[in-house]
Protein backbone atom coordinates (compact mmCIF):
# COMPACT_ATOMS: atom_id res chain seq x y z
CA MET A 1 13.19 0.29 9.28
CA VAL A 2 11.80 3.25 7.40
CA GLU A 3 8.09 3.65 6.65
CA GLY A 4 7.46 5.17 3.25
CA LEU A 5 4.96 5.97 0.54
CA ILE A 6 5.88 5.10 -3.04
CA ALA A 7 3.96 6.01 -6.19
CA GLY A 8 4.83 4.63 -9.60
CA THR A 9 3.85 2.13 -12.26
CA LEU A 10 3.80 -1.65 -12.11
CA VAL A 11 6.56 -3.34 -14.11
CA GLY A 12 5.32 -6.66 -15.47
CA LEU A 13 2.65 -8.57 -13.59
CA ALA A 14 2.57 -9.33 -9.88
CA GLU A 15 2.82 -12.98 -8.91
CA THR A 16 1.56 -15.01 -5.97
CA ARG A 17 3.74 -17.43 -4.06
CA GLN A 18 3.20 -19.78 -1.14
CA GLY A 19 5.22 -19.50 2.06
CA LYS A 20 6.58 -22.51 3.94
CA ASN A 21 3.72 -22.24 6.43
CA GLY A 22 1.11 -22.33 3.65
CA SER A 23 0.35 -18.61 3.63
CA SER A 24 0.38 -16.78 0.33
CA PHE A 25 2.01 -13.47 -0.57
CA ALA A 26 2.41 -11.30 -3.67
CA LEU A 27 5.61 -10.11 -5.33
CA ALA A 28 5.80 -7.15 -7.71
CA LYS A 29 8.16 -4.55 -9.15
CA VAL A 30 7.24 -0.88 -9.29
CA LYS A 31 9.09 1.79 -11.27
CA ALA A 32 9.14 5.08 -9.39
CA THR A 33 10.69 8.39 -10.43
CA THR A 34 12.95 10.26 -8.02
CA GLY A 35 13.00 14.03 -7.54
CA ASP A 36 15.82 14.45 -10.07
CA GLY A 37 14.01 12.46 -12.78
CA GLU A 38 15.92 9.19 -12.34
CA SER A 39 13.99 5.92 -12.33
CA LEU A 40 14.15 3.62 -9.34
CA ILE A 41 12.94 0.02 -9.11
CA VAL A 42 11.05 -0.92 -5.95
CA ASN A 43 10.86 -4.66 -5.20
CA VAL A 44 7.53 -5.16 -3.41
CA ILE A 45 6.30 -8.01 -1.25
CA ALA A 46 2.81 -7.95 0.26
CA PHE A 47 1.69 -10.38 2.96
CA ALA A 48 -1.63 -8.69 3.79
CA ALA A 49 -4.48 -10.37 1.89
CA GLU A 50 -6.07 -7.13 0.68
CA ALA A 51 -2.75 -5.64 -0.47
CA SER A 52 -1.85 -8.89 -2.28
CA ALA A 53 -5.23 -9.07 -4.01
CA THR A 54 -4.94 -5.47 -5.19
CA LEU A 55 -1.46 -6.08 -6.64
CA MET A 56 -2.68 -9.21 -8.42
CA ALA A 57 -5.54 -7.26 -10.05
CA LEU A 58 -3.16 -4.78 -11.71
CA ASP A 59 -1.74 -4.96 -15.23
CA ASP A 60 1.71 -4.00 -16.48
CA GLY A 61 2.03 -0.20 -16.52
CA ASP A 62 -0.85 0.50 -14.13
CA ALA A 63 -0.35 3.37 -11.69
CA VAL A 64 -0.12 2.36 -8.04
CA ALA A 65 0.71 3.88 -4.66
CA LEU A 66 2.09 1.71 -1.86
CA ALA A 67 2.77 2.28 1.83
CA GLY A 68 5.00 0.13 4.01
CA ALA A 69 8.47 -0.59 5.33
CA LEU A 70 11.36 0.38 3.04
CA THR A 71 14.90 -0.98 2.89
CA PRO A 72 17.42 0.79 0.61
CA LYS A 73 19.59 -1.46 -1.58
CA VAL A 74 22.31 -1.13 -4.20
CA TRP A 75 22.69 -3.37 -7.26
CA THR A 76 25.26 -3.54 -10.06
CA ASP A 77 24.13 -3.51 -13.70
CA LYS A 78 25.79 -5.39 -16.58
CA GLN A 79 28.16 -2.50 -17.23
CA GLY A 80 29.39 -2.53 -13.64
CA ASN A 81 27.53 0.65 -12.60
CA THR A 82 25.98 0.67 -9.15
CA ARG A 83 22.32 1.65 -9.04
CA PRO A 84 19.95 2.32 -6.15
CA ALA A 85 16.89 0.17 -5.44
CA LEU A 86 14.35 -0.24 -2.67
CA ASP A 87 12.74 -3.27 -1.08
CA MET A 88 9.27 -2.67 0.34
CA VAL A 89 7.01 -4.74 2.56
CA ALA A 90 3.72 -3.19 1.45
CA THR A 91 0.92 -2.99 3.99
CA GLN A 92 -1.36 -0.78 1.88
CA VAL A 93 -1.85 -0.65 -1.90
CA LEU A 94 -3.96 2.04 -3.56
CA THR A 95 -4.92 2.32 -7.23
CA ALA A 96 -6.73 5.07 -9.11
CA TYR A 97 -9.82 2.85 -9.26
CA GLN A 98 -9.89 2.44 -5.47
CA GLY A 99 -9.36 6.16 -5.01
CA SER A 100 -12.43 6.98 -7.09
CA GLN A 101 -14.47 4.37 -5.17
CA LYS A 102 -13.50 5.94 -1.83
CA ARG A 103 -14.26 9.44 -3.12
CA ASP A 104 -17.69 8.30 -4.36
CA ALA A 105 -18.42 6.67 -0.98
CA VAL A 106 -17.53 9.86 0.87
CA ASN A 107 -19.66 11.96 -1.48
CA GLY A 108 -22.59 9.54 -1.13
CA ALA A 109 -22.65 8.50 -4.78
């Protein structure tokens, strides 16, 4: 397992699902840009209640940063080209709104 930090934009809306044991989790897709300018889709699942709630509050195209366990994947598009992807189990989700709240709290505003 690799721990990583991903920053990108939400693709579509996150959705909540129920596990077999009754617990809920959130699923989302994030589009991140690699160092060479290529786009990469990150399939995100969040089990932590706070991380799930934050994902559910976001709209399509919102900027987001996520931390958690990463698993590299490869998928094949309709033309038969192989493309990289990542699966992430997000433990932390940070948005620009939360960042400004934390900064204000530190500065005593």
